[in-house]
């Protein structure tokens, strides 16, 4: 009898654990709403493309919820694509010495190519891939947003892989973990805090170019996708300040929504990957993450998925080593396989030949419509924009490095600042065009000076977000040691904090400078209605030649911008990267 009673009680307890609790009844409607919204958005992408011409963008605020949904789904789709690209591309660039000689410069060039440059070459491909359907234009818009998100995340992941502490790497090798296991059990977890903050910045940075991605021009045909960007473009074109106010309100709501529903849970979850030996005194929290953990049925439904992912990460898959695939590749100051001089020479020769061929093809195309005098003029404009970028990045660094450290070391403060920083990072420079244009025209100001702040308006946040990531990842035991040794003031900055955040700052500075070059195309030539103000610079040159449809000059401007960005990164940022890897690792 007692045995039967215990069996019955055990069965009842098992059945009870499968019943939903009150937290399930709160979480289930949220999950159903997300699934329903995604299904509705996907269904609309399958409509005929002719519906876009019959449904003109309306400035009625009642349409903004639908527009906000469409834009948010595009940005989330681009974020998923960016994450996959980051894991693959960043791993190859960080672990292969020879591949990095090609992949890292390509990444420098990709982040310097304007979003408009991608759109002009990819729209035709996507429209042909899905003929007569909205999904073709949607893919083109998602790809354009992807180009504004992926490079920042890839640089962050690349930096993390290059600075994995040597002692942790040695431990993983001591346990004979395969490349697959070490990637998922060590390298991805170590990079997670910085990657999450850069995902946040990439999502916010995507707003800066959402106008260009939702108004696509193919020849004489313009395709406008319903979204906040298209609504903003229509409001600016009609000089409707009321509609611009509604756009700002809609952006605030959307940013708060994905801060609370996605990024704050990610930040709280990623805190467990901090490298430290003592517990943090003030951990980040998320009401949504706590809600999911308190659910009974949803939690039990998620457990099998988590178990499967953990098992997949532990499977001893022996992938071909990148060291073996590219010969003598790996991270600096680590054991390397003997390199064959013949292989190095052959690889360098192949890269050089491909580079020469690409340069020759670009020069041949540009020479059809550009003189040598024009080339010299474009280089002068490039130096003018370079001066702006250097000055603005220096000013932004002085301001946001101390602020980022202050925020990153205080998780409770970071929770309050996080949505504000996301909104400021997402605030499109287009919304400030009226203020700058009216002020410059009314007081006869110099556009070369007063349009410059627009360049760094959206890119300065790369520095802030990366410094926050670095400070939040700084080991708590290091901070306690500094306190015990009474290291304060400038000595604390010089000996403790600046070395700790330096790799993260370099990542932020690289992406901020590359983004500033890209933003110069929007910021050096601004308009409000029919009033246009233009500054001297390479960005204004590319914007004007793009509007005129002069492709040789467009290619010349993009090529010169890519050259400036690549040389600037090679001569300044890469040596600083190498210094951070060799001298400032948290080992």
Protein backbone atom coordinates (compact mmCIF):
# COMPACT_ATOMS: atom_id res chain seq x y z
CA UNK A 1 0.00 0.00 0.00
CA UNK A 2 2.79 2.40 0.87
CA UNK A 3 4.57 1.59 -2.38
CA UNK A 4 1.38 2.24 -4.38
CA UNK A 5 0.82 5.51 -2.53
CA UNK A 6 4.37 6.72 -3.30
CA UNK A 7 4.02 5.74 -6.95
CA UNK A 8 0.73 7.61 -7.20
CA UNK A 9 2.23 10.66 -5.48
CA UNK A 10 5.22 10.58 -7.85
CA UNK A 11 2.91 10.33 -10.87
CA UNK A 12 0.81 13.23 -9.59
CA UNK A 13 3.94 15.32 -9.01
CA UNK A 14 5.14 14.63 -12.56
CA UNK A 15 1.76 15.58 -13.97
CA UNK A 16 1.68 18.70 -11.79
CA UNK A 17 5.06 19.83 -13.19
CA UNK A 18 3.60 19.73 -16.70
CA UNK A 19 0.75 22.08 -15.81
CA UNK A 20 1.26 25.79 -16.55
CA UNK A 21 1.63 28.23 -13.65
CA UNK A 22 0.66 31.89 -13.49
CA UNK A 23 3.90 32.97 -15.16
CA UNK A 24 3.10 30.74 -18.15
CA UNK A 25 -0.18 32.59 -18.62
CA UNK A 26 1.78 35.84 -18.84
CA UNK A 27 4.48 34.54 -21.19
CA UNK A 28 2.27 32.54 -23.58
CA UNK A 29 0.38 35.55 -25.03
CA UNK A 30 3.69 37.33 -25.64
CA UNK A 31 5.11 34.35 -27.53
CA UNK A 32 1.93 33.92 -29.57
CA UNK A 33 1.94 37.62 -30.49
CA UNK A 34 5.55 37.42 -31.70
CA UNK A 35 4.79 34.34 -33.81
CA UNK A 36 1.65 35.94 -35.25
CA UNK A 37 3.43 39.18 -36.14
CA UNK A 38 6.23 37.27 -37.85
CA UNK A 39 3.71 35.18 -39.80
CA UNK A 40 1.78 38.27 -40.94
CA UNK A 41 5.00 40.01 -41.99
CA UNK A 42 6.16 36.96 -43.97
CA UNK A 43 2.76 36.64 -45.66
CA UNK A 44 2.96 40.24 -46.85
CA UNK A 45 6.34 39.62 -48.48
CA UNK A 46 4.72 37.04 -50.79
CA UNK A 47 2.33 39.61 -52.30
CA UNK A 48 2.78 40.77 -55.92
CA UNK A 49 5.24 43.64 -56.25
CA UNK A 50 2.57 45.69 -58.00
CA UNK A 51 0.88 46.17 -54.62
CA UNK A 52 3.73 48.48 -53.57
CA UNK A 53 2.77 50.95 -56.31
CA UNK A 54 -0.91 50.90 -55.45
CA UNK A 55 -0.26 51.38 -51.71
CA UNK A 56 1.53 54.71 -51.50
CA UNK A 57 3.16 55.73 -48.21
CA UNK A 58 0.62 57.60 -46.12
CA UNK A 59 1.63 60.13 -43.47
CA UNK A 60 -1.42 59.20 -41.41
CA UNK A 61 -0.03 58.25 -37.94
CA UNK A 62 -2.50 55.36 -37.80
CA UNK A 63 -0.29 53.51 -40.32
CA UNK A 64 2.86 53.84 -38.21
CA UNK A 65 2.32 50.63 -36.13
CA UNK A 66 2.25 48.55 -39.32
CA UNK A 67 5.25 50.43 -40.75
CA UNK A 68 7.15 49.94 -37.48
CA UNK A 69 6.42 46.20 -37.56
CA UNK A 70 7.69 45.85 -41.13
CA UNK A 71 10.88 47.78 -40.39
CA UNK A 72 11.55 45.84 -37.17
CA UNK A 73 11.14 42.48 -38.92
CA UNK A 74 13.60 43.56 -41.63
CA UNK A 75 16.14 44.62 -39.02
CA UNK A 76 15.74 41.36 -37.09
CA UNK A 77 16.20 39.31 -40.28
CA UNK A 78 19.32 41.32 -41.08
CA UNK A 79 20.57 40.75 -37.52
CA UNK A 80 20.26 36.96 -37.89
CA UNK A 81 22.17 37.08 -41.19
CA UNK A 82 24.80 39.35 -39.59
CA UNK A 83 25.29 36.93 -36.68
CA UNK A 84 25.86 33.97 -39.02
CA UNK A 85 28.27 36.04 -41.13
CA UNK A 86 30.10 37.16 -37.98
CA UNK A 87 30.69 33.66 -36.65
CA UNK A 88 32.01 32.35 -39.99
CA UNK A 89 33.96 35.35 -41.31
CA UNK A 90 35.36 36.42 -37.94
CA UNK A 91 36.62 32.91 -37.20
CA UNK A 92 38.41 32.61 -40.54
CA UNK A 93 39.96 36.07 -40.21
CA UNK A 94 41.14 35.49 -36.63
CA UNK A 95 42.50 31.95 -36.94
CA UNK A 96 44.13 32.00 -40.35
CA UNK A 97 47.22 34.16 -40.79
CA UNK A 98 47.13 33.92 -44.56
CA UNK A 99 43.37 34.31 -44.84
CA UNK A 100 43.51 37.35 -42.55
CA UNK A 101 45.82 39.07 -45.04
CA UNK A 102 42.86 39.06 -47.43
CA UNK A 103 39.77 38.98 -45.20
CA UNK A 104 40.66 41.85 -42.86
CA UNK A 105 41.42 44.37 -45.66
CA UNK A 106 38.23 43.24 -47.42
CA UNK A 107 36.33 43.90 -44.20
CA UNK A 108 37.89 47.38 -44.05
CA UNK A 109 36.72 48.02 -47.60
CA UNK A 110 33.24 46.58 -47.02
CA UNK A 111 32.57 48.89 -44.07
CA UNK A 112 33.69 51.89 -46.13
CA UNK A 113 31.49 51.16 -49.15
CA UNK A 114 28.31 53.25 -48.87
CA UNK A 115 24.98 51.50 -48.38
CA UNK A 116 23.83 53.20 -51.58
CA UNK A 117 26.71 51.47 -53.35
CA UNK A 118 25.45 48.04 -52.28
CA UNK A 119 21.87 48.84 -53.22
CA UNK A 120 22.75 49.90 -56.76
CA UNK A 121 24.39 46.52 -57.46
CA UNK A 122 22.22 44.08 -55.47
CA UNK A 123 18.66 45.22 -56.13
CA UNK A 124 18.58 43.84 -59.66
CA UNK A 125 19.87 40.46 -58.41
CA UNK A 126 17.22 40.07 -55.69
CA UNK A 127 14.38 41.27 -57.91
CA UNK A 128 15.42 38.73 -60.54
CA UNK A 129 15.70 36.02 -57.87
CA UNK A 130 12.05 36.53 -56.87
CA UNK A 131 10.39 37.96 -60.00
CA UNK A 132 7.12 39.80 -59.51
CA UNK A 133 7.11 39.40 -55.71
CA UNK A 134 7.60 41.81 -52.83
CA UNK A 135 10.06 39.37 -51.25
CA UNK A 136 12.68 40.38 -53.86
CA UNK A 137 12.57 44.02 -52.76
CA UNK A 138 12.41 42.91 -49.13
CA UNK A 139 15.60 40.85 -49.55
CA UNK A 140 17.32 43.85 -51.14
CA UNK A 141 16.30 46.03 -48.18
CA UNK A 142 17.37 43.38 -45.66
CA UNK A 143 20.75 43.07 -47.40
CA UNK A 144 21.21 46.85 -47.26
CA UNK A 145 20.48 46.83 -43.51
CA UNK A 146 22.80 43.82 -43.15
CA UNK A 147 25.65 45.91 -44.59
CA UNK A 148 25.10 48.48 -41.82
CA UNK A 149 25.16 45.81 -39.08
CA UNK A 150 27.54 42.99 -39.97
CA UNK A 151 30.93 44.73 -40.06
CA UNK A 152 30.75 46.06 -36.51
CA UNK A 153 29.78 42.67 -35.10
CA UNK A 154 32.48 40.92 -37.12
CA UNK A 155 35.19 43.27 -35.86
CA UNK A 156 34.04 42.65 -32.28
CA UNK A 157 34.10 38.86 -32.65
CA UNK A 158 37.45 39.01 -34.44
CA UNK A 159 38.92 41.10 -31.61
CA UNK A 160 37.59 38.67 -28.98
CA UNK A 161 39.06 35.63 -30.74
CA UNK A 162 42.43 37.36 -30.99
CA UNK A 163 42.52 38.15 -27.28
CA UNK A 164 41.30 34.92 -25.67
CA UNK A 165 43.43 34.54 -22.50
CA UNK A 166 46.33 32.18 -23.05
CA UNK A 167 45.74 30.28 -19.81
CA UNK A 168 42.16 29.43 -20.84
CA UNK A 169 43.37 28.35 -24.26
CA UNK A 170 46.02 26.15 -22.68
CA UNK A 171 43.41 24.58 -20.37
CA UNK A 172 41.18 23.78 -23.35
CA UNK A 173 44.11 22.12 -25.10
CA UNK A 174 44.99 20.28 -21.90
CA UNK A 175 41.49 18.79 -21.89
CA UNK A 176 42.04 17.78 -25.54
CA UNK A 177 39.02 19.70 -26.78
CA UNK A 178 38.54 19.58 -30.52
CA UNK A 179 38.37 22.78 -32.60
CA UNK A 180 34.59 22.46 -32.61
CA UNK A 181 34.36 22.06 -28.83
CA UNK A 182 36.85 24.85 -28.11
CA UNK A 183 34.91 27.19 -30.40
CA UNK A 184 31.57 26.70 -28.61
CA UNK A 185 32.84 26.11 -25.05
CA UNK A 186 35.57 28.77 -24.89
CA UNK A 187 35.78 31.23 -27.76
CA UNK A 188 32.10 32.03 -28.32
CA UNK A 189 31.35 32.36 -24.56
CA UNK A 190 34.41 34.61 -24.08
CA UNK A 191 33.28 36.87 -26.94
CA UNK A 192 29.62 36.95 -25.88
CA UNK A 193 29.55 40.09 -23.63
CA UNK A 194 31.23 42.24 -26.28
CA UNK A 195 29.23 40.67 -29.10
CA UNK A 196 25.89 41.35 -27.38
CA UNK A 197 26.70 45.05 -26.91
CA UNK A 198 27.84 45.28 -30.53
CA UNK A 199 24.65 43.56 -31.70
CA UNK A 200 22.79 46.25 -29.78
CA UNK A 201 24.84 48.96 -31.51
CA UNK A 202 24.39 47.33 -34.91
CA UNK A 203 20.63 47.18 -34.47
CA UNK A 204 20.54 50.85 -33.52
CA UNK A 205 23.02 51.79 -36.25
CA UNK A 206 20.78 50.16 -38.84
CA UNK A 207 18.26 52.96 -38.31
CA UNK A 208 20.76 55.42 -39.74
CA UNK A 209 20.41 53.92 -43.24
CA UNK A 210 16.88 52.54 -43.01
CA UNK A 211 15.64 55.41 -45.23
CA UNK A 212 17.93 54.35 -48.07
CA UNK A 213 17.06 50.66 -47.66
CA UNK A 214 13.27 51.17 -47.88
CA UNK A 215 13.29 53.47 -50.93
CA UNK A 216 14.99 51.47 -53.70
CA UNK A 217 15.67 52.90 -57.15
CA UNK A 218 16.25 50.63 -60.15
CA UNK A 219 16.94 52.74 -63.23
CA UNK A 220 13.97 55.05 -63.60
CA UNK A 221 11.83 52.91 -61.30
CA UNK A 222 11.51 53.54 -57.56
CA UNK A 223 10.25 50.84 -55.19
CA UNK A 224 9.13 52.09 -51.79
CA UNK A 225 8.64 49.49 -49.07
CA UNK A 226 6.23 50.25 -46.20
CA UNK A 227 8.28 51.14 -43.15
CA UNK A 228 9.42 53.85 -40.79
CA UNK A 229 12.27 54.79 -43.13
CA UNK A 230 9.93 55.33 -46.07
CA UNK A 231 7.55 57.30 -43.81
CA UNK A 232 10.46 59.50 -42.68
CA UNK A 233 11.61 60.09 -46.26
CA UNK A 234 8.08 61.16 -47.24
CA UNK A 235 7.85 63.47 -44.22
CA UNK A 236 11.16 65.14 -45.06
CA UNK A 237 10.16 65.50 -48.71
CA UNK A 238 6.92 67.25 -47.70
CA UNK A 239 8.59 69.22 -44.87
CA UNK A 240 5.97 67.85 -42.47
CA UNK A 241 7.28 68.48 -38.94
CA UNK A 242 4.23 66.83 -37.36
CA UNK A 243 4.92 63.57 -39.20
CA UNK A 244 8.58 63.73 -38.15
CA UNK A 245 7.40 64.02 -34.54
CA UNK A 246 5.29 60.87 -34.97
CA UNK A 247 8.36 59.09 -36.42
CA UNK A 248 10.39 59.96 -33.33
CA UNK A 249 7.62 58.65 -31.07
CA UNK A 250 7.37 55.41 -33.07
CA UNK A 251 11.14 54.93 -32.87
CA UNK A 252 11.08 55.41 -29.10
CA UNK A 253 8.40 52.73 -28.74
CA UNK A 254 10.21 50.26 -31.03
CA UNK A 255 13.60 50.80 -29.38
CA UNK A 256 12.13 50.34 -25.91
CA UNK A 257 10.39 47.17 -27.11
CA UNK A 258 13.46 45.44 -28.47
CA UNK A 259 15.53 46.71 -25.52
CA UNK A 260 13.16 45.06 -23.05
CA UNK A 261 12.29 41.97 -25.09
CA UNK A 262 15.67 41.14 -26.65
CA UNK A 263 18.76 43.04 -25.58
CA UNK A 264 18.24 43.38 -21.85
CA UNK A 265 17.65 39.61 -21.49
CA UNK A 266 20.75 39.01 -23.64
CA UNK A 267 22.90 41.35 -21.53
CA UNK A 268 21.69 39.67 -18.31
CA UNK A 269 22.26 36.19 -19.78
CA UNK A 270 25.73 37.07 -21.15
CA UNK A 271 26.91 38.29 -17.74
CA UNK A 272 27.57 34.69 -16.74
CA UNK A 273 30.39 34.57 -19.31
CA UNK A 274 32.45 37.26 -17.57
CA UNK A 275 35.98 36.09 -16.84
CA UNK A 276 36.45 36.43 -13.07
CA UNK A 277 37.14 34.42 -9.95
CA UNK A 278 34.91 36.42 -7.60
CA UNK A 279 31.22 37.14 -7.90
CA UNK A 280 30.01 40.47 -9.22
CA UNK A 281 28.42 42.66 -6.61
CA UNK A 282 25.78 44.12 -8.93
CA UNK A 283 24.64 41.86 -11.75
CA UNK A 284 22.46 43.03 -14.67
CA UNK A 285 18.88 41.81 -14.53
CA UNK A 286 15.95 41.37 -16.91
CA UNK A 287 12.31 40.98 -15.96
CA UNK A 288 11.67 38.94 -19.13
CA UNK A 289 14.52 36.53 -18.39
CA UNK A 290 13.26 36.16 -14.83
CA UNK A 291 9.74 35.59 -16.17
CA UNK A 292 10.89 32.78 -18.49
CA UNK A 293 12.85 31.17 -15.67
CA UNK A 294 9.78 31.25 -13.40
CA UNK A 295 7.47 29.61 -15.94
CA UNK A 296 6.81 25.92 -15.51
CA UNK A 297 5.51 24.61 -18.82
CA UNK A 298 7.51 26.94 -21.10
CA UNK A 299 10.66 26.26 -19.11
CA UNK A 300 10.17 22.50 -19.47
CA UNK A 301 9.57 22.95 -23.20
CA UNK A 302 12.82 24.89 -23.52
CA UNK A 303 14.90 22.41 -21.53
CA UNK A 304 15.12 19.81 -24.36
CA UNK A 305 16.26 22.49 -26.82
CA UNK A 306 18.95 23.65 -24.40
CA UNK A 307 20.01 20.05 -23.79
CA UNK A 308 20.34 19.41 -27.52
CA UNK A 309 22.40 22.56 -28.07
CA UNK A 310 24.69 21.67 -25.18
CA UNK A 311 25.16 18.16 -26.56
CA UNK A 312 25.93 19.52 -30.04
CA UNK A 313 28.58 21.84 -28.54
CA UNK A 314 30.18 18.87 -26.75
CA UNK A 315 30.24 16.52 -29.73
CA UNK A 316 33.93 15.81 -30.44
CA UNK A 317 33.70 16.78 -34.10
CA UNK A 318 37.20 16.98 -35.53
CA UNK A 319 36.96 19.65 -38.17
CA UNK A 320 39.93 20.28 -40.45
CA UNK A 321 42.22 22.64 -38.59
CA UNK A 322 42.56 26.08 -40.11
CA UNK A 323 46.23 25.83 -39.25
CA UNK A 324 46.49 22.83 -41.48
CA UNK A 325 44.27 24.25 -44.18
CA UNK A 326 46.24 27.49 -44.57
CA UNK A 327 49.63 26.35 -43.18
CA UNK A 328 51.13 28.14 -40.21
CA UNK A 329 48.06 30.05 -39.14
CA UNK A 330 46.90 30.88 -35.68
CA UNK A 331 46.92 33.55 -33.07
CA UNK A 332 50.03 35.61 -32.29
CA UNK A 333 52.53 34.42 -29.72
CA UNK A 334 51.17 30.88 -29.83
CA UNK A 335 52.65 27.65 -31.06
CA UNK A 336 52.57 27.63 -34.86
CA UNK A 337 53.15 24.89 -37.35
CA UNK A 338 56.31 25.32 -39.45
CA UNK A 339 55.54 27.48 -42.44
CA UNK A 340 56.79 26.60 -45.88
CA UNK A 341 58.42 29.57 -47.56
CA UNK A 342 57.20 28.36 -50.93
CA UNK A 343 53.60 28.34 -49.75
CA UNK A 344 53.90 31.85 -48.33
CA UNK A 345 55.36 33.17 -51.57
CA UNK A 346 52.68 31.47 -53.67
CA UNK A 347 49.89 32.81 -51.45
CA UNK A 348 51.30 36.36 -51.49
CA UNK A 349 51.72 36.20 -55.26
CA UNK A 350 48.12 35.03 -55.76
CA UNK A 351 46.76 37.82 -53.55
CA UNK A 352 48.91 40.40 -55.32
CA UNK A 353 47.78 39.24 -58.77
CA UNK A 354 44.11 39.36 -57.81
CA UNK A 355 44.57 42.82 -56.29
CA UNK A 356 46.34 44.11 -59.40
CA UNK A 357 43.62 42.67 -61.63
CA UNK A 358 40.83 44.31 -59.60
CA UNK A 359 42.66 47.66 -59.55
CA UNK A 360 43.23 47.45 -63.30
CA UNK A 361 39.55 46.73 -64.01
CA UNK A 362 38.42 49.61 -61.77
CA UNK A 363 40.96 51.98 -63.36
CA UNK A 364 39.87 50.94 -66.86
CA UNK A 365 36.21 51.63 -66.07
CA UNK A 366 36.89 54.92 -64.30
CA UNK A 367 39.15 56.19 -67.10
CA UNK A 368 36.19 56.16 -69.50
CA UNK A 369 34.70 59.24 -67.83
CA UNK A 370 37.34 60.75 -65.52
CA UNK A 371 40.48 62.80 -66.16
CA UNK A 372 43.69 62.83 -64.10
CA UNK A 373 42.77 66.27 -62.84
CA UNK A 374 39.51 64.86 -61.50
CA UNK A 375 41.41 62.07 -59.74
CA UNK A 376 43.68 64.60 -58.00
CA UNK A 377 40.64 66.67 -57.01
CA UNK A 378 38.96 63.61 -55.47
CA UNK A 379 42.10 62.80 -53.44
CA UNK A 380 42.12 66.35 -52.07
CA UNK A 381 38.47 65.93 -51.08
CA UNK A 382 39.44 62.65 -49.43
CA UNK A 383 42.06 64.40 -47.28
CA UNK A 384 39.46 66.99 -46.22
CA UNK A 385 37.06 64.23 -45.09
CA UNK A 386 39.97 62.41 -43.42
CA UNK A 387 40.73 65.49 -41.34
CA UNK A 388 37.08 65.69 -40.27
CA UNK A 389 36.98 62.01 -39.32
CA UNK A 390 40.21 62.15 -37.27
CA UNK A 391 39.16 65.25 -35.32
CA UNK A 392 35.65 63.97 -34.65
CA UNK A 393 36.82 60.48 -33.54
CA UNK A 394 39.34 62.10 -31.19
CA UNK A 395 36.67 64.33 -29.65
CA UNK A 396 34.23 61.41 -29.34
CA UNK A 397 36.93 59.28 -27.65
CA UNK A 398 37.67 61.94 -25.04
CA UNK A 399 33.98 62.17 -24.21
CA UNK A 400 32.75 58.59 -24.41
CA UNK A 401 35.65 56.51 -23.04
CA UNK A 402 35.23 57.84 -19.46
CA UNK A 403 31.44 57.72 -19.82
CA UNK A 404 31.56 54.12 -21.10
CA UNK A 405 33.77 53.01 -18.19
CA UNK A 406 31.43 54.69 -15.70
CA UNK A 407 28.42 52.92 -17.21
CA UNK A 408 30.09 49.54 -17.76
CA UNK A 409 31.30 49.20 -14.17
CA UNK A 410 27.80 49.83 -12.82
CA UNK A 411 25.28 47.30 -14.22
CA UNK A 412 22.37 49.04 -12.48
CA UNK A 413 23.31 52.31 -14.21
CA UNK A 414 23.81 50.46 -17.50
CA UNK A 415 20.22 49.17 -17.32
CA UNK A 416 18.94 52.74 -17.08
CA UNK A 417 21.30 54.16 -19.72
CA UNK A 418 20.92 51.25 -22.16
CA UNK A 419 17.60 52.27 -23.80
CA UNK A 420 18.64 55.94 -23.87
CA UNK A 421 21.93 55.09 -25.57
CA UNK A 422 20.13 52.84 -28.06
CA UNK A 423 17.71 55.62 -28.94
CA UNK A 424 20.50 58.17 -29.41
CA UNK A 425 22.47 55.68 -31.52
CA UNK A 426 19.38 54.95 -33.61
CA UNK A 427 18.43 58.60 -34.05
CA UNK A 428 18.80 59.19 -37.81
CA UNK A 429 20.81 62.25 -38.81
CA UNK A 430 18.05 62.97 -41.35
CA UNK A 431 15.86 64.25 -38.53
CA UNK A 432 18.40 66.99 -37.75
CA UNK A 433 18.73 68.18 -41.34
CA UNK A 434 16.06 70.89 -40.89
CA UNK A 435 17.87 72.34 -37.85
CA UNK A 436 21.29 72.41 -39.51
CA UNK A 437 20.06 73.68 -42.88
CA UNK A 438 17.96 76.48 -41.38
CA UNK A 439 20.74 77.53 -38.96
CA UNK A 440 23.47 77.51 -41.63
CA UNK A 441 21.38 79.48 -44.12
CA UNK A 442 20.00 81.96 -41.58
CA UNK A 443 23.32 82.88 -39.95
CA UNK A 444 25.48 82.27 -43.04
CA UNK A 445 27.63 79.67 -41.28
CA UNK A 446 30.45 77.69 -42.86
CA UNK A 447 29.06 74.27 -43.97
CA UNK A 448 32.55 72.73 -43.85
CA UNK A 449 32.52 73.22 -40.07
CA UNK A 450 28.89 73.06 -39.02
CA UNK A 451 27.90 69.99 -41.06
CA UNK A 452 30.79 67.99 -39.54
CA UNK A 453 28.92 66.97 -36.34
CA UNK A 454 26.42 65.07 -38.50
CA UNK A 455 29.24 62.72 -39.55
CA UNK A 456 29.90 61.46 -36.04
CA UNK A 457 26.32 61.72 -34.77
CA UNK A 458 25.51 58.09 -35.47
CA UNK A 459 29.00 56.56 -35.31
CA UNK A 460 30.31 57.89 -31.99
CA UNK A 461 28.15 55.31 -30.24
CA UNK A 462 30.36 52.50 -31.54
CA UNK A 463 33.02 53.82 -29.15
CA UNK A 464 30.60 54.10 -26.23
CA UNK A 465 29.04 50.66 -26.68
CA UNK A 466 32.40 48.90 -27.09
CA UNK A 467 33.89 50.65 -24.05
CA UNK A 468 30.79 49.66 -22.04
CA UNK A 469 31.30 46.06 -23.21
CA UNK A 470 34.97 46.18 -22.22
CA UNK A 471 34.28 47.70 -18.79
CA UNK A 472 31.42 45.28 -18.07
CA UNK A 473 33.70 42.35 -19.02
CA UNK A 474 36.57 43.59 -16.84
CA UNK A 475 37.18 40.90 -14.18
CA UNK A 476 35.81 41.81 -10.78
CA UNK A 477 38.81 40.24 -9.02
CA UNK A 478 41.12 42.65 -10.90
CA UNK A 479 39.06 45.56 -9.60
CA UNK A 480 39.24 44.20 -6.05
CA UNK A 481 43.01 43.80 -6.35
CA UNK A 482 43.33 47.44 -7.47
CA UNK A 483 41.23 48.50 -4.49
CA UNK A 484 43.34 46.45 -2.06
CA UNK A 485 46.55 47.98 -3.41
CA UNK A 486 44.93 51.44 -3.20
CA UNK A 487 45.50 52.23 -6.88
CA UNK A 488 43.53 55.39 -7.56
CA UNK A 489 43.28 58.38 -9.88
CA UNK A 490 45.36 58.49 -13.03
CA UNK A 491 47.34 55.42 -11.94
CA UNK A 492 44.07 53.42 -11.88
CA UNK A 493 43.27 54.54 -15.41
CA UNK A 494 46.80 53.94 -16.70
CA UNK A 495 47.56 50.63 -15.00
CA UNK A 496 44.13 49.02 -14.70
CA UNK A 497 41.19 50.27 -16.72
CA UNK A 498 42.67 51.61 -19.97
CA UNK A 499 44.70 48.42 -20.62
CA UNK A 500 41.59 46.35 -19.81
CA UNK A 501 39.28 48.14 -22.24
CA UNK A 502 41.88 48.97 -24.90
CA UNK A 503 41.09 46.06 -27.29
CA UNK A 504 37.38 46.93 -27.07
CA UNK A 505 38.11 50.62 -27.67
CA UNK A 506 40.14 49.79 -30.79
CA UNK A 507 37.22 47.77 -32.15
CA UNK A 508 34.86 50.67 -31.48
CA UNK A 509 37.25 53.21 -32.98
CA UNK A 510 37.75 51.16 -36.15
CA UNK A 511 34.03 50.76 -36.74
CA UNK A 512 33.35 54.36 -35.73
CA UNK A 513 35.90 55.73 -38.19
CA UNK A 514 34.66 53.44 -40.97
CA UNK A 515 31.09 54.40 -40.20
CA UNK A 516 32.05 58.08 -40.17
CA UNK A 517 33.41 57.79 -43.71
CA UNK A 518 30.16 56.13 -44.74
CA UNK A 519 28.06 58.73 -42.95
CA UNK A 520 29.93 61.56 -44.69
CA UNK A 521 27.93 60.75 -47.82
CA UNK A 522 24.76 61.67 -45.98
CA UNK A 523 26.20 64.44 -43.79
CA UNK A 524 28.29 66.50 -46.23
CA UNK A 525 25.35 67.21 -48.53
CA UNK A 526 22.05 67.80 -46.70
CA UNK A 527 18.72 69.20 -47.82
CA UNK A 528 15.44 70.36 -46.36
CA UNK A 529 12.77 70.61 -48.99
CA UNK A 530 14.43 72.40 -51.93
CA UNK A 531 17.13 74.03 -49.82
CA UNK A 532 20.48 72.20 -50.05
CA UNK A 533 23.71 72.83 -48.13
CA UNK A 534 26.93 71.18 -49.30
CA UNK A 535 30.35 70.95 -47.62
CA UNK A 536 33.64 70.19 -49.34
CA UNK A 537 34.54 66.54 -48.96
CA UNK A 538 34.58 63.08 -50.49
CA UNK A 539 31.16 62.20 -49.07
CA UNK A 540 29.49 65.14 -50.80
CA UNK A 541 31.26 64.21 -54.04
CA UNK A 542 29.87 60.64 -53.92
CA UNK A 543 26.38 61.89 -53.01
CA UNK A 544 26.31 64.38 -55.89
CA UNK A 545 27.68 61.96 -58.50
CA UNK A 546 25.21 59.29 -57.32
CA UNK A 547 22.31 61.72 -57.78
CA UNK A 548 23.66 62.55 -61.26
CA UNK A 549 24.06 58.86 -62.17
CA UNK A 550 27.72 59.35 -63.22
CA UNK A 551 28.99 55.81 -62.62
CA UNK A 552 32.71 56.34 -63.43
CA UNK A 553 32.84 59.14 -60.86
CA UNK A 554 30.80 57.10 -58.37
CA UNK A 555 33.28 54.22 -58.65
CA UNK A 556 36.20 56.64 -58.38
CA UNK A 557 34.77 58.16 -55.18
CA UNK A 558 34.06 54.76 -53.61
CA UNK A 559 37.52 53.45 -54.60
CA UNK A 560 39.29 56.47 -53.10
CA UNK A 561 37.21 56.21 -49.92
CA UNK A 562 38.03 52.50 -49.62
CA UNK A 563 41.73 53.29 -50.14
CA UNK A 564 41.71 55.95 -47.42
CA UNK A 565 39.89 53.69 -44.95
CA UNK A 566 42.18 50.72 -45.62
CA UNK A 567 45.41 52.75 -45.33
CA UNK A 568 44.14 54.52 -42.21
CA UNK A 569 43.32 51.19 -40.58
CA UNK A 570 46.62 49.64 -41.63
CA UNK A 571 48.80 52.55 -40.51
CA UNK A 572 47.03 53.33 -37.22
CA UNK A 573 44.44 50.85 -35.97
CA UNK A 574 46.14 47.58 -36.92
CA UNK A 575 49.40 48.40 -35.09
CA UNK A 576 47.32 49.32 -32.05
CA UNK A 577 45.45 46.01 -32.42
CA UNK A 578 48.76 44.15 -32.47
CA UNK A 579 49.92 46.05 -29.38
CA UNK A 580 46.70 45.13 -27.56
CA UNK A 581 47.11 41.45 -28.48
CA UNK A 582 50.75 41.31 -27.40
CA UNK A 583 50.76 43.53 -24.30
CA UNK A 584 47.25 44.04 -22.98
CA UNK A 585 45.69 40.58 -22.78
CA UNK A 586 43.83 39.65 -19.58
CA UNK A 587 45.99 36.61 -18.87
